Amino acid sequence: NFPLDELVLFGSVRSAGNEYEFRGKKLVVKELKHGDDFKDIDIALT
């Protein structure tokens, strides 16, 4: 029950678009790219 409000999933081109369930919700994997996708991220588990 980790105290997070939002979880964002990143992966390779192959993995992008895959869906995984977390706390009853479907989350879609985003493609890992250089840019500002981590602007509001507090902790990144890599």
PDB file of all heavy atoms in Angstrom:
ATOM      1  N   ASN A   1       0.839  -1.202   0.000  1.00  0.00           N
ATOM      2  CA  ASN A   1       0.000   0.000   0.000  1.00  0.00           C
ATOM      3  C   ASN A   1       0.873   1.252   0.000  1.00  0.00           C
ATOM      4  O   ASN A   1       0.706   2.175   0.810  1.00  0.00           O
ATOM      5  CB  ASN A   1      -0.950   0.001   1.204  1.00  0.00           C
ATOM      6  CG  ASN A   1      -2.074   1.005   1.046  1.00  0.00           C
ATOM      7  OD1 ASN A   1      -2.438   1.367  -0.075  1.00  0.00           O
ATOM      8  ND2 ASN A   1      -2.607   1.470   2.157  1.00  0.00           N
ATOM      9  N   PHE A   2       1.824   1.278  -0.922  1.00  0.00           N
ATOM     10  CA  PHE A   2       2.781   2.381  -1.010  1.00  0.00           C
ATOM     11  C   PHE A   2       2.029   3.703  -1.193  1.00  0.00           C
ATOM     12  O   PHE A   2       1.086   3.779  -1.984  1.00  0.00           O
ATOM     13  CB  PHE A   2       3.733   2.141  -2.186  1.00  0.00           C
ATOM     14  CG  PHE A   2       4.881   3.097  -2.253  1.00  0.00           C
ATOM     15  CD1 PHE A   2       6.052   2.848  -1.570  1.00  0.00           C
ATOM     16  CD2 PHE A   2       4.783   4.269  -2.999  1.00  0.00           C
ATOM     17  CE1 PHE A   2       7.112   3.738  -1.622  1.00  0.00           C
ATOM     18  CE2 PHE A   2       5.836   5.165  -3.056  1.00  0.00           C
ATOM     19  CZ  PHE A   2       7.011   4.899  -2.360  1.00  0.00           C
ATOM     20  N   PRO A   3       2.437   4.753  -0.468  1.00  0.00           N
ATOM     21  CA  PRO A   3       1.656   6.003  -0.461  1.00  0.00           C
ATOM     22  C   PRO A   3       1.842   6.849  -1.714  1.00  0.00           C
ATOM     23  O   PRO A   3       2.424   7.932  -1.680  1.00  0.00           O
ATOM     24  CB  PRO A   3       2.209   6.737   0.766  1.00  0.00           C
ATOM     25  CG  PRO A   3       3.634   6.283   0.861  1.00  0.00           C
ATOM     26  CD  PRO A   3       3.607   4.838   0.440  1.00  0.00           C
ATOM     27  N   LEU A   4       1.351   6.349  -2.829  1.00  0.00           N
ATOM     28  CA  LEU A   4       1.439   7.118  -4.072  1.00  0.00           C
ATOM     29  C   LEU A   4       0.045   7.529  -4.529  1.00  0.00           C
ATOM     30  O   LEU A   4      -0.950   6.868  -4.240  1.00  0.00           O
ATOM     31  CB  LEU A   4       2.164   6.321  -5.156  1.00  0.00           C
ATOM     32  CG  LEU A   4       1.568   4.982  -5.637  1.00  0.00           C
ATOM     33  CD1 LEU A   4       0.497   5.179  -6.700  1.00  0.00           C
ATOM     34  CD2 LEU A   4       2.671   4.091  -6.164  1.00  0.00           C
ATOM     35  N   ASP A   5       0.008   8.652  -5.223  1.00  0.00           N
ATOM     36  CA  ASP A   5      -1.250   9.145  -5.780  1.00  0.00           C
ATOM     37  C   ASP A   5      -1.394   8.789  -7.247  1.00  0.00           C
ATOM     38  O   ASP A   5      -2.506   8.628  -7.747  1.00  0.00           O
ATOM     39  CB  ASP A   5      -1.323  10.673  -5.624  1.00  0.00           C
ATOM     40  CG  ASP A   5      -1.274  11.082  -4.157  1.00  0.00           C
ATOM     41  OD1 ASP A   5      -2.169  10.675  -3.405  1.00  0.00           O
ATOM     42  OD2 ASP A   5      -0.319  11.771  -3.764  1.00  0.00           O
ATOM     43  N   GLU A   6      -0.238   8.675  -7.917  1.00  0.00           N
ATOM     44  CA  GLU A   6      -0.265   8.347  -9.346  1.00  0.00           C
ATOM     45  C   GLU A   6       0.945   7.489  -9.688  1.00  0.00           C
ATOM     46  O   GLU A   6       2.053   7.750  -9.218  1.00  0.00           O
ATOM     47  CB  GLU A   6      -0.262   9.619 -10.192  1.00  0.00           C
ATOM     48  CG  GLU A   6      -0.431   9.363 -11.686  1.00  0.00           C
ATOM     49  CD  GLU A   6      -0.494  10.644 -12.510  1.00  0.00           C
ATOM     50  OE1 GLU A   6      -0.564  11.744 -11.927  1.00  0.00           O
ATOM     51  OE2 GLU A   6      -0.443  10.544 -13.757  1.00  0.00           O
ATOM     52  N   LEU A   7       0.716   6.468 -10.499  1.00  0.00           N
ATOM     53  CA  LEU A   7       1.789   5.595 -10.970  1.00  0.00           C
ATOM     54  C   LEU A   7       1.858   5.686 -12.485  1.00  0.00           C
ATOM     55  O   LEU A   7       0.849   5.535 -13.167  1.00  0.00           O
ATOM     56  CB  LEU A   7       1.527   4.141 -10.544  1.00  0.00           C
ATOM     57  CG  LEU A   7       2.583   3.109 -10.951  1.00  0.00           C
ATOM     58  CD1 LEU A   7       3.927   3.406 -10.296  1.00  0.00           C
ATOM     59  CD2 LEU A   7       2.124   1.693 -10.577  1.00  0.00           C
ATOM     60  N   VAL A   8       3.058   5.940 -13.003  1.00  0.00           N
ATOM     61  CA  VAL A   8       3.266   6.056 -14.447  1.00  0.00           C
ATOM     62  C   VAL A   8       4.225   4.951 -14.880  1.00  0.00           C
ATOM     63  O   VAL A   8       5.272   4.742 -14.255  1.00  0.00           O
ATOM     64  CB  VAL A   8       3.859   7.433 -14.827  1.00  0.00           C
ATOM     65  CG1 VAL A   8       3.914   7.580 -16.345  1.00  0.00           C
ATOM     66  CG2 VAL A   8       3.035   8.566 -14.215  1.00  0.00           C
ATOM     67  N   LEU A   9       3.871   4.235 -15.931  1.00  0.00           N
ATOM     68  CA  LEU A   9       4.669   3.103 -16.404  1.00  0.00           C
ATOM     69  C   LEU A   9       5.391   3.470 -17.694  1.00  0.00           C
ATOM     70  O   LEU A   9       4.800   4.045 -18.612  1.00  0.00           O
ATOM     71  CB  LEU A   9       3.766   1.888 -16.659  1.00  0.00           C
ATOM     72  CG  LEU A   9       2.829   1.467 -15.518  1.00  0.00           C
ATOM     73  CD1 LEU A   9       2.054   0.217 -15.917  1.00  0.00           C
ATOM     74  CD2 LEU A   9       3.596   1.232 -14.229  1.00  0.00           C
ATOM     75  N   PHE A  10       6.675   3.109 -17.745  1.00  0.00           N
ATOM     76  CA  PHE A  10       7.476   3.364 -18.945  1.00  0.00           C
ATOM     77  C   PHE A  10       8.124   2.065 -19.409  1.00  0.00           C
ATOM     78  O   PHE A  10       8.443   1.181 -18.596  1.00  0.00           O
ATOM     79  CB  PHE A  10       8.585   4.386 -18.655  1.00  0.00           C
ATOM     80  CG  PHE A  10       8.094   5.777 -18.409  1.00  0.00           C
ATOM     81  CD1 PHE A  10       7.852   6.219 -17.115  1.00  0.00           C
ATOM     82  CD2 PHE A  10       7.859   6.643 -19.465  1.00  0.00           C
ATOM     83  CE1 PHE A  10       7.402   7.507 -16.876  1.00  0.00           C
ATOM     84  CE2 PHE A  10       7.413   7.936 -19.239  1.00  0.00           C
ATOM     85  CZ  PHE A  10       7.176   8.368 -17.935  1.00  0.00           C
ATOM     86  N   GLY A  11       8.332   1.974 -20.723  1.00  0.00           N
ATOM     87  CA  GLY A  11       8.987   0.789 -21.268  1.00  0.00           C
ATOM     88  C   GLY A  11       9.566   1.080 -22.642  1.00  0.00           C
ATOM     89  O   GLY A  11       9.542   2.220 -23.134  1.00  0.00           O
ATOM     90  N   SER A  12      10.051   0.036 -23.273  1.00  0.00           N
ATOM     91  CA  SER A  12      10.651   0.156 -24.600  1.00  0.00           C
ATOM     92  C   SER A  12       9.571   0.352 -25.659  1.00  0.00           C
ATOM     93  O   SER A  12       8.365   0.307 -25.370  1.00  0.00           O
ATOM     94  CB  SER A  12      11.438  -1.116 -24.919  1.00  0.00           C
ATOM     95  OG  SER A  12      10.541  -2.224 -24.990  1.00  0.00           O
ATOM     96  N   VAL A  13      10.004   0.534 -26.894  1.00  0.00           N
ATOM     97  CA  VAL A  13       9.063   0.649 -28.013  1.00  0.00           C
ATOM     98  C   VAL A  13       8.170  -0.588 -28.078  1.00  0.00           C
ATOM     99  O   VAL A  13       6.959  -0.489 -28.324  1.00  0.00           O
ATOM    100  CB  VAL A  13       9.830   0.816 -29.348  1.00  0.00           C
ATOM    101  CG1 VAL A  13       8.858   0.875 -30.523  1.00  0.00           C
ATOM    102  CG2 VAL A  13      10.690   2.070 -29.330  1.00  0.00           C
ATOM    103  N   ARG A  14       8.780  -1.760 -27.839  1.00  0.00           N
ATOM    104  CA  ARG A  14       8.015  -3.024 -27.879  1.00  0.00           C
ATOM    105  C   ARG A  14       6.956  -3.076 -26.791  1.00  0.00           C
ATOM    106  O   ARG A  14       5.870  -3.623 -26.985  1.00  0.00           O
ATOM    107  CB  ARG A  14       8.959  -4.225 -27.707  1.00  0.00           C
ATOM    108  CG  ARG A  14       9.814  -4.549 -28.898  1.00  0.00           C
ATOM    109  CD  ARG A  14      10.421  -5.951 -28.764  1.00  0.00           C
ATOM    110  NE  ARG A  14      10.863  -6.240 -27.410  1.00  0.00           N
ATOM    111  CZ  ARG A  14      12.075  -5.931 -26.932  1.00  0.00           C
ATOM    112  NH1 ARG A  14      12.932  -5.284 -27.698  1.00  0.00           N
ATOM    113  NH2 ARG A  14      12.408  -6.244 -25.702  1.00  0.00           N
ATOM    114  N   SER A  15       7.293  -2.537 -25.618  1.00  0.00           N
ATOM    115  CA  SER A  15       6.371  -2.623 -24.480  1.00  0.00           C
ATOM    116  C   SER A  15       5.321  -1.529 -24.474  1.00  0.00           C
ATOM    117  O   SER A  15       4.274  -1.675 -23.818  1.00  0.00           O
ATOM    118  CB  SER A  15       7.161  -2.554 -23.164  1.00  0.00           C
ATOM    119  OG  SER A  15       8.094  -3.608 -23.082  1.00  0.00           O
ATOM    120  N   ALA A  16       5.593  -0.422 -25.140  1.00  0.00           N
ATOM    121  CA  ALA A  16       4.662   0.718 -25.141  1.00  0.00           C
ATOM    122  C   ALA A  16       3.286   0.268 -25.629  1.00  0.00           C
ATOM    123  O   ALA A  16       3.158  -0.450 -26.613  1.00  0.00           O
ATOM    124  CB  ALA A  16       5.195   1.838 -26.024  1.00  0.00           C
ATOM    125  N   GLY A  17       2.272   0.680 -24.899  1.00  0.00           N
ATOM    126  CA  GLY A  17       0.899   0.297 -25.244  1.00  0.00           C
ATOM    127  C   GLY A  17       0.390  -0.888 -24.451  1.00  0.00           C
ATOM    128  O   GLY A  17      -0.829  -1.120 -24.389  1.00  0.00           O
ATOM    129  N   ASN A  18       1.296  -1.655 -23.851  1.00  0.00           N
ATOM    130  CA  ASN A  18       0.853  -2.766 -22.990  1.00  0.00           C
ATOM    131  C   ASN A  18       0.079  -2.222 -21.796  1.00  0.00           C
ATOM    132  O   ASN A  18       0.374  -1.135 -21.296  1.00  0.00           O
ATOM    133  CB  ASN A  18       2.051  -3.581 -22.489  1.00  0.00           C
ATOM    134  CG  ASN A  18       2.697  -4.416 -23.579  1.00  0.00           C
ATOM    135  OD1 ASN A  18       2.158  -4.525 -24.677  1.00  0.00           O
ATOM    136  ND2 ASN A  18       3.842  -5.000 -23.284  1.00  0.00           N
ATOM    137  N   GLU A  19      -0.875  -3.003 -21.332  1.00  0.00           N
ATOM    138  CA  GLU A  19      -1.680  -2.592 -20.180  1.00  0.00           C
ATOM    139  C   GLU A  19      -1.407  -3.501 -18.987  1.00  0.00           C
ATOM    140  O   GLU A  19      -1.300  -4.718 -19.137  1.00  0.00           O
ATOM    141  CB  GLU A  19      -3.174  -2.642 -20.514  1.00  0.00           C
ATOM    142  CG  GLU A  19      -3.640  -1.557 -21.462  1.00  0.00           C
ATOM    143  CD  GLU A  19      -5.156  -1.548 -21.612  1.00  0.00           C
ATOM    144  OE1 GLU A  19      -5.812  -2.479 -21.113  1.00  0.00           O
ATOM    145  OE2 GLU A  19      -5.678  -0.597 -22.224  1.00  0.00           O
ATOM    146  N   TYR A  20      -1.303  -2.894 -17.805  1.00  0.00           N
ATOM    147  CA  TYR A  20      -1.133  -3.649 -16.564  1.00  0.00           C
ATOM    148  C   TYR A  20      -2.083  -3.094 -15.519  1.00  0.00           C
ATOM    149  O   TYR A  20      -2.343  -1.882 -15.475  1.00  0.00           O
ATOM    150  CB  TYR A  20       0.312  -3.559 -16.068  1.00  0.00           C
ATOM    151  CG  TYR A  20       1.300  -4.201 -17.012  1.00  0.00           C
ATOM    152  CD1 TYR A  20       2.063  -3.418 -17.872  1.00  0.00           C
ATOM    153  CD2 TYR A  20       1.442  -5.582 -17.071  1.00  0.00           C
ATOM    154  CE1 TYR A  20       2.962  -3.999 -18.759  1.00  0.00           C
ATOM    155  CE2 TYR A  20       2.336  -6.175 -17.954  1.00  0.00           C
ATOM    156  CZ  TYR A  20       3.090  -5.385 -18.791  1.00  0.00           C
ATOM    157  OH  TYR A  20       3.966  -5.960 -19.678  1.00  0.00           O
ATOM    158  N   GLU A  21      -2.588  -3.983 -14.678  1.00  0.00           N
ATOM    159  CA  GLU A  21      -3.538  -3.558 -13.663  1.00  0.00           C
ATOM    160  C   GLU A  21      -2.802  -3.187 -12.375  1.00  0.00           C
ATOM    161  O   GLU A  21      -1.878  -3.874 -11.937  1.00  0.00           O
ATOM    162  CB  GLU A  21      -4.540  -4.682 -13.384  1.00  0.00           C
ATOM    163  CG  GLU A  21      -5.708  -4.237 -12.517  1.00  0.00           C
ATOM    164  CD  GLU A  21      -6.826  -5.262 -12.453  1.00  0.00           C
ATOM    165  OE1 GLU A  21      -7.299  -5.683 -13.519  1.00  0.00           O
ATOM    166  OE2 GLU A  21      -7.189  -5.633 -11.323  1.00  0.00           O
ATOM    167  N   PHE A  22      -3.243  -2.082 -11.781  1.00  0.00           N
ATOM    168  CA  PHE A  22      -2.701  -1.654 -10.488  1.00  0.00           C
ATOM    169  C   PHE A  22      -3.824  -1.018  -9.687  1.00  0.00           C
ATOM    170  O   PHE A  22      -4.465  -0.075 -10.142  1.00  0.00           O
ATOM    171  CB  PHE A  22      -1.555  -0.652 -10.693  1.00  0.00           C
ATOM    172  CG  PHE A  22      -0.925  -0.174  -9.410  1.00  0.00           C
ATOM    173  CD1 PHE A  22      -0.087  -1.004  -8.680  1.00  0.00           C
ATOM    174  CD2 PHE A  22      -1.191   1.103  -8.921  1.00  0.00           C
ATOM    175  CE1 PHE A  22       0.484  -0.570  -7.491  1.00  0.00           C
ATOM    176  CE2 PHE A  22      -0.625   1.538  -7.736  1.00  0.00           C
ATOM    177  CZ  PHE A  22       0.220   0.698  -7.013  1.00  0.00           C
ATOM    178  N   ARG A  23      -4.085  -1.570  -8.522  1.00  0.00           N
ATOM    179  CA  ARG A  23      -5.154  -1.092  -7.639  1.00  0.00           C
ATOM    180  C   ARG A  23      -6.492  -1.002  -8.361  1.00  0.00           C
ATOM    181  O   ARG A  23      -7.249  -0.043  -8.218  1.00  0.00           O
ATOM    182  CB  ARG A  23      -4.788   0.256  -7.014  1.00  0.00           C
ATOM    183  CG  ARG A  23      -3.611   0.172  -6.040  1.00  0.00           C
ATOM    184  CD  ARG A  23      -3.260   1.528  -5.441  1.00  0.00           C
ATOM    185  NE  ARG A  23      -2.146   1.404  -4.507  1.00  0.00           N
ATOM    186  CZ  ARG A  23      -1.506   2.436  -3.946  1.00  0.00           C
ATOM    187  NH1 ARG A  23      -1.883   3.674  -4.246  1.00  0.00           N
ATOM    188  NH2 ARG A  23      -0.502   2.242  -3.119  1.00  0.00           N
ATOM    189  N   GLY A  24      -6.748  -2.031  -9.179  1.00  0.00           N
ATOM    190  CA  GLY A  24      -8.039  -2.128  -9.850  1.00  0.00           C
ATOM    191  C   GLY A  24      -8.184  -1.290 -11.103  1.00  0.00           C
ATOM    192  O   GLY A  24      -9.249  -1.276 -11.717  1.00  0.00           O
ATOM    193  N   LYS A  25      -7.106  -0.596 -11.492  1.00  0.00           N
ATOM    194  CA  LYS A  25      -7.176   0.234 -12.704  1.00  0.00           C
ATOM    195  C   LYS A  25      -6.175  -0.256 -13.733  1.00  0.00           C
ATOM    196  O   LYS A  25      -5.118  -0.794 -13.394  1.00  0.00           O
ATOM    197  CB  LYS A  25      -6.867   1.698 -12.362  1.00  0.00           C
ATOM    198  CG  LYS A  25      -7.903   2.366 -11.476  1.00  0.00           C
ATOM    199  CD  LYS A  25      -7.515   3.813 -11.215  1.00  0.00           C
ATOM    200  CE  LYS A  25      -8.527   4.510 -10.311  1.00  0.00           C
ATOM    201  NZ  LYS A  25      -8.133   5.913 -10.022  1.00  0.00           N
ATOM    202  N   LYS A  26      -6.514  -0.072 -15.008  1.00  0.00           N
ATOM    203  CA  LYS A  26      -5.619  -0.423 -16.105  1.00  0.00           C
ATOM    204  C   LYS A  26      -4.677   0.757 -16.385  1.00  0.00           C
ATOM    205  O   LYS A  26      -5.141   1.878 -16.597  1.00  0.00           O
ATOM    206  CB  LYS A  26      -6.415  -0.755 -17.373  1.00  0.00           C
ATOM    207  CG  LYS A  26      -7.279  -1.998 -17.257  1.00  0.00           C
ATOM    208  CD  LYS A  26      -6.459  -3.268 -17.381  1.00  0.00           C
ATOM    209  CE  LYS A  26      -7.376  -4.492 -17.461  1.00  0.00           C
ATOM    210  NZ  LYS A  26      -6.604  -5.728 -17.482  1.00  0.00           N
ATOM    211  N   LEU A  27      -3.383   0.479 -16.372  1.00  0.00           N
ATOM    212  CA  LEU A  27      -2.395   1.505 -16.696  1.00  0.00           C
ATOM    213  C   LEU A  27      -1.710   1.127 -18.000  1.00  0.00           C
ATOM    214  O   LEU A  27      -1.362  -0.037 -18.212  1.00  0.00           O
ATOM    215  CB  LEU A  27      -1.356   1.631 -15.580  1.00  0.00           C
ATOM    216  CG  LEU A  27      -1.879   1.984 -14.183  1.00  0.00           C
ATOM    217  CD1 LEU A  27      -0.717   2.069 -13.204  1.00  0.00           C
ATOM    218  CD2 LEU A  27      -2.656   3.289 -14.198  1.00  0.00           C
ATOM    219  N   VAL A  28      -1.493   2.099 -18.862  1.00  0.00           N
ATOM    220  CA  VAL A  28      -0.881   1.856 -20.166  1.00  0.00           C
ATOM    221  C   VAL A  28       0.600   2.264 -20.111  1.00  0.00           C
ATOM    222  O   VAL A  28       0.936   3.348 -19.621  1.00  0.00           O
ATOM    223  CB  VAL A  28      -1.605   2.645 -21.281  1.00  0.00           C
ATOM    224  CG1 VAL A  28      -0.943   2.389 -22.637  1.00  0.00           C
ATOM    225  CG2 VAL A  28      -3.083   2.256 -21.329  1.00  0.00           C
ATOM    226  N   VAL A  29       1.463   1.400 -20.628  1.00  0.00           N
ATOM    227  CA  VAL A  29       2.898   1.683 -20.656  1.00  0.00           C
ATOM    228  C   VAL A  29       3.204   2.744 -21.703  1.00  0.00           C
ATOM    229  O   VAL A  29       2.802   2.629 -22.859  1.00  0.00           O
ATOM    230  CB  VAL A  29       3.708   0.399 -20.957  1.00  0.00           C
ATOM    231  CG1 VAL A  29       5.209   0.715 -21.054  1.00  0.00           C
ATOM    232  CG2 VAL A  29       3.449  -0.659 -19.888  1.00  0.00           C
ATOM    233  N   LYS A  30       3.934   3.785 -21.272  1.00  0.00           N
ATOM    234  CA  LYS A  30       4.380   4.843 -22.190  1.00  0.00           C
ATOM    235  C   LYS A  30       5.780   4.504 -22.694  1.00  0.00           C
ATOM    236  O   LYS A  30       6.577   3.879 -21.984  1.00  0.00           O
ATOM    237  CB  LYS A  30       4.424   6.192 -21.456  1.00  0.00           C
ATOM    238  CG  LYS A  30       3.090   6.663 -20.930  1.00  0.00           C
ATOM    239  CD  LYS A  30       3.229   7.940 -20.121  1.00  0.00           C
ATOM    240  CE  LYS A  30       3.673   9.122 -20.967  1.00  0.00           C
ATOM    241  NZ  LYS A  30       3.636  10.401 -20.200  1.00  0.00           N
ATOM    242  N   GLU A  31       6.087   4.932 -23.888  1.00  0.00           N
ATOM    243  CA  GLU A  31       7.433   4.716 -24.419  1.00  0.00           C
ATOM    244  C   GLU A  31       8.420   5.631 -23.706  1.00  0.00           C
ATOM    245  O   GLU A  31       8.175   6.827 -23.547  1.00  0.00           O
ATOM    246  CB  GLU A  31       7.469   4.992 -25.922  1.00  0.00           C
ATOM    247  CG  GLU A  31       8.836   4.716 -26.532  1.00  0.00           C
ATOM    248  CD  GLU A  31       8.919   5.102 -28.000  1.00  0.00           C
ATOM    249  OE1 GLU A  31       7.855   5.299 -28.634  1.00  0.00           O
ATOM    250  OE2 GLU A  31      10.054   5.202 -28.519  1.00  0.00           O
ATOM    251  N   LEU A  32       9.530   5.049 -23.248  1.00  0.00           N
ATOM    252  CA  LEU A  32      10.583   5.829 -22.600  1.00  0.00           C
ATOM    253  C   LEU A  32      11.300   6.665 -23.654  1.00  0.00           C
ATOM    254  O   LEU A  32      11.873   6.123 -24.612  1.00  0.00           O
ATOM    255  CB  LEU A  32      11.568   4.889 -21.901  1.00  0.00           C
ATOM    256  CG  LEU A  32      12.743   5.544 -21.171  1.00  0.00           C
ATOM    257  CD1 LEU A  32      12.246   6.393 -19.995  1.00  0.00           C
ATOM    258  CD2 LEU A  32      13.738   4.495 -20.687  1.00  0.00           C
ATOM    259  N   LYS A  33      11.270   7.983 -23.480  1.00  0.00           N
ATOM    260  CA  LYS A  33      11.899   8.889 -24.446  1.00  0.00           C
ATOM    261  C   LYS A  33      12.577  10.028 -23.696  1.00  0.00           C
ATOM    262  O   LYS A  33      12.224  10.336 -22.554  1.00  0.00           O
ATOM    263  CB  LYS A  33      10.841   9.471 -25.410  1.00  0.00           C
ATOM    264  CG  LYS A  33      10.176   8.453 -26.315  1.00  0.00           C
ATOM    265  CD  LYS A  33       9.241   9.107 -27.330  1.00  0.00           C
ATOM    266  CE  LYS A  33       8.014   9.668 -26.669  1.00  0.00           C
ATOM    267  NZ  LYS A  33       6.992  10.100 -27.658  1.00  0.00           N
ATOM    268  N   HIS A  34      13.533  10.662 -24.357  1.00  0.00           N
ATOM    269  CA  HIS A  34      14.129  11.872 -23.791  1.00  0.00           C
ATOM    270  C   HIS A  34      13.123  13.012 -23.923  1.00  0.00           C
ATOM    271  O   HIS A  34      12.454  13.154 -24.940  1.00  0.00           O
ATOM    272  CB  HIS A  34      15.430  12.214 -24.516  1.00  0.00           C
ATOM    273  CG  HIS A  34      16.520  11.214 -24.292  1.00  0.00           C
ATOM    274  ND1 HIS A  34      17.111  11.031 -23.065  1.00  0.00           N
ATOM    275  CD2 HIS A  34      17.097  10.317 -25.126  1.00  0.00           C
ATOM    276  CE1 HIS A  34      18.025  10.076 -23.156  1.00  0.00           C
ATOM    277  NE2 HIS A  34      18.024   9.608 -24.400  1.00  0.00           N
ATOM    278  N   GLY A  35      13.012  13.797 -22.874  1.00  0.00           N
ATOM    279  CA  GLY A  35      12.039  14.883 -22.865  1.00  0.00           C
ATOM    280  C   GLY A  35      11.702  15.253 -21.437  1.00  0.00           C
ATOM    281  O   GLY A  35      12.542  15.143 -20.538  1.00  0.00           O
ATOM    282  N   ASP A  36      10.459  15.642 -21.222  1.00  0.00           N
ATOM    283  CA  ASP A  36      10.052  16.125 -19.902  1.00  0.00           C
ATOM    284  C   ASP A  36       8.989  15.245 -19.245  1.00  0.00           C
ATOM    285  O   ASP A  36       8.215  15.718 -18.406  1.00  0.00           O
ATOM    286  CB  ASP A  36       9.536  17.562 -20.016  1.00  0.00           C
ATOM    287  CG  ASP A  36      10.644  18.529 -20.404  1.00  0.00           C
ATOM    288  OD1 ASP A  36      11.767  18.356 -19.897  1.00  0.00           O
ATOM    289  OD2 ASP A  36      10.379  19.448 -21.210  1.00  0.00           O
ATOM    290  N   ASP A  37       8.950  13.966 -19.625  1.00  0.00           N
ATOM    291  CA  ASP A  37       7.939  13.066 -19.051  1.00  0.00           C
ATOM    292  C   ASP A  37       8.123  12.847 -17.554  1.00  0.00           C
ATOM    293  O   ASP A  37       7.196  12.400 -16.869  1.00  0.00           O
ATOM    294  CB  ASP A  37       7.971  11.707 -19.761  1.00  0.00           C
ATOM    295  CG  ASP A  37       7.305  11.756 -21.132  1.00  0.00           C
ATOM    296  OD1 ASP A  37       6.570  12.724 -21.383  1.00  0.00           O
ATOM    297  OD2 ASP A  37       7.527  10.829 -21.934  1.00  0.00           O
ATOM    298  N   PHE A  38       9.309  13.142 -17.023  1.00  0.00           N
ATOM    299  CA  PHE A  38       9.578  12.903 -15.595  1.00  0.00           C
ATOM    300  C   PHE A  38       9.499  14.194 -14.778  1.00  0.00           C
ATOM    301  O   PHE A  38       9.919  14.221 -13.621  1.00  0.00           O
ATOM    302  CB  PHE A  38      10.948  12.244 -15.419  1.00  0.00           C
ATOM    303  CG  PHE A  38      10.994  10.825 -15.909  1.00  0.00           C
ATOM    304  CD1 PHE A  38      11.240  10.548 -17.245  1.00  0.00           C
ATOM    305  CD2 PHE A  38      10.758   9.760 -15.048  1.00  0.00           C
ATOM    306  CE1 PHE A  38      11.262   9.240 -17.714  1.00  0.00           C
ATOM    307  CE2 PHE A  38      10.773   8.459 -15.503  1.00  0.00           C
ATOM    308  CZ  PHE A  38      11.029   8.188 -16.835  1.00  0.00           C
ATOM    309  N   LYS A  39       8.943  15.230 -15.384  1.00  0.00           N
ATOM    310  CA  LYS A  39       8.919  16.551 -14.743  1.00  0.00           C
ATOM    311  C   LYS A  39       8.238  16.528 -13.384  1.00  0.00           C
ATOM    312  O   LYS A  39       8.682  17.190 -12.436  1.00  0.00           O
ATOM    313  CB  LYS A  39       8.241  17.563 -15.665  1.00  0.00           C
ATOM    314  CG  LYS A  39       8.357  18.995 -15.188  1.00  0.00           C
ATOM    315  CD  LYS A  39       7.818  19.972 -16.220  1.00  0.00           C
ATOM    316  CE  LYS A  39       8.010  21.405 -15.758  1.00  0.00           C
ATOM    317  NZ  LYS A  39       7.485  22.372 -16.743  1.00  0.00           N
ATOM    318  N   ASP A  40       7.147  15.798 -13.252  1.00  0.00           N
ATOM    319  CA  ASP A  40       6.389  15.787 -11.993  1.00  0.00           C
ATOM    320  C   ASP A  40       6.587  14.501 -11.191  1.00  0.00           C
ATOM    321  O   ASP A  40       5.876  14.265 -10.208  1.00  0.00           O
ATOM    322  CB  ASP A  40       4.888  15.966 -12.293  1.00  0.00           C
ATOM    323  CG  ASP A  40       4.608  17.289 -12.990  1.00  0.00           C
ATOM    324  OD1 ASP A  40       5.225  18.293 -12.583  1.00  0.00           O
ATOM    325  OD2 ASP A  40       3.803  17.300 -13.936  1.00  0.00           O
ATOM    326  N   ILE A  41       7.529  13.672 -11.605  1.00  0.00           N
ATOM    327  CA  ILE A  41       7.772  12.395 -10.915  1.00  0.00           C
ATOM    328  C   ILE A  41       8.616  12.639  -9.660  1.00  0.00           C
ATOM    329  O   ILE A  41       9.612  13.356  -9.695  1.00  0.00           O
ATOM    330  CB  ILE A  41       8.496  11.395 -11.842  1.00  0.00           C
ATOM    331  CG1 ILE A  41       7.650  11.093 -13.088  1.00  0.00           C
ATOM    332  CG2 ILE A  41       8.848  10.118 -11.089  1.00  0.00           C
ATOM    333  CD1 ILE A  41       6.361  10.352 -12.826  1.00  0.00           C
ATOM    334  N   ASP A  42       8.206  12.047  -8.547  1.00  0.00           N
ATOM    335  CA  ASP A  42       8.976  12.145  -7.298  1.00  0.00           C
ATOM    336  C   ASP A  42      10.024  11.045  -7.195  1.00  0.00           C
ATOM    337  O   ASP A  42      11.161  11.295  -6.815  1.00  0.00           O
ATOM    338  CB  ASP A  42       8.030  12.059  -6.093  1.00  0.00           C
ATOM    339  CG  ASP A  42       7.058  13.222  -6.053  1.00  0.00           C
ATOM    340  OD1 ASP A  42       7.514  14.356  -5.818  1.00  0.00           O
ATOM    341  OD2 ASP A  42       5.851  13.002  -6.269  1.00  0.00           O
ATOM    342  N   ILE A  43       9.611   9.810  -7.507  1.00  0.00           N
ATOM    343  CA  ILE A  43      10.504   8.655  -7.406  1.00  0.00           C
ATOM    344  C   ILE A  43      10.363   7.811  -8.663  1.00  0.00           C
ATOM    345  O   ILE A  43       9.242   7.495  -9.081  1.00  0.00           O
ATOM    346  CB  ILE A  43      10.171   7.792  -6.169  1.00  0.00           C
ATOM    347  CG1 ILE A  43      10.419   8.580  -4.872  1.00  0.00           C
ATOM    348  CG2 ILE A  43      10.989   6.499  -6.158  1.00  0.00           C
ATOM    349  CD1 ILE A  43       9.871   7.894  -3.629  1.00  0.00           C
ATOM    350  N   ALA A  44      11.486   7.449  -9.268  1.00  0.00           N
ATOM    351  CA  ALA A  44      11.484   6.553 -10.429  1.00  0.00           C
ATOM    352  C   ALA A  44      12.191   5.260 -10.056  1.00  0.00           C
ATOM    353  O   ALA A  44      13.364   5.266  -9.669  1.00  0.00           O
ATOM    354  CB  ALA A  44      12.175   7.209 -11.611  1.00  0.00           C
ATOM    355  N   LEU A  45      11.462   4.158 -10.152  1.00  0.00           N
ATOM    356  CA  LEU A  45      12.017   2.829  -9.901  1.00  0.00           C
ATOM    357  C   LEU A  45      12.411   2.243 -11.251  1.00  0.00           C
ATOM    358  O   LEU A  45      11.549   1.989 -12.091  1.00  0.00           O
ATOM    359  CB  LEU A  45      10.974   1.944  -9.214  1.00  0.00           C
ATOM    360  CG  LEU A  45      10.402   2.486  -7.897  1.00  0.00           C
ATOM    361  CD1 LEU A  45       9.181   1.673  -7.477  1.00  0.00           C
ATOM    362  CD2 LEU A  45      11.462   2.463  -6.796  1.00  0.00           C
ATOM    363  N   THR A  46      13.702   2.062 -11.487  1.00  0.00           N
ATOM    364  CA  THR A  46      14.166   1.677 -12.821  1.00  0.00           C
ATOM    365  C   THR A  46      14.778   0.285 -12.835  1.00  0.00           C
ATOM    366  O   THR A  46      15.583  -0.057 -11.973  1.00  0.00           O
ATOM    367  CB  THR A  46      15.180   2.702 -13.366  1.00  0.00           C
ATOM    368  OG1 THR A  46      16.314   2.759 -12.496  1.00  0.00           O
ATOM    369  CG2 THR A  46      14.580   4.086 -13.437  1.00  0.00           C
TER     370      THR A  46
END
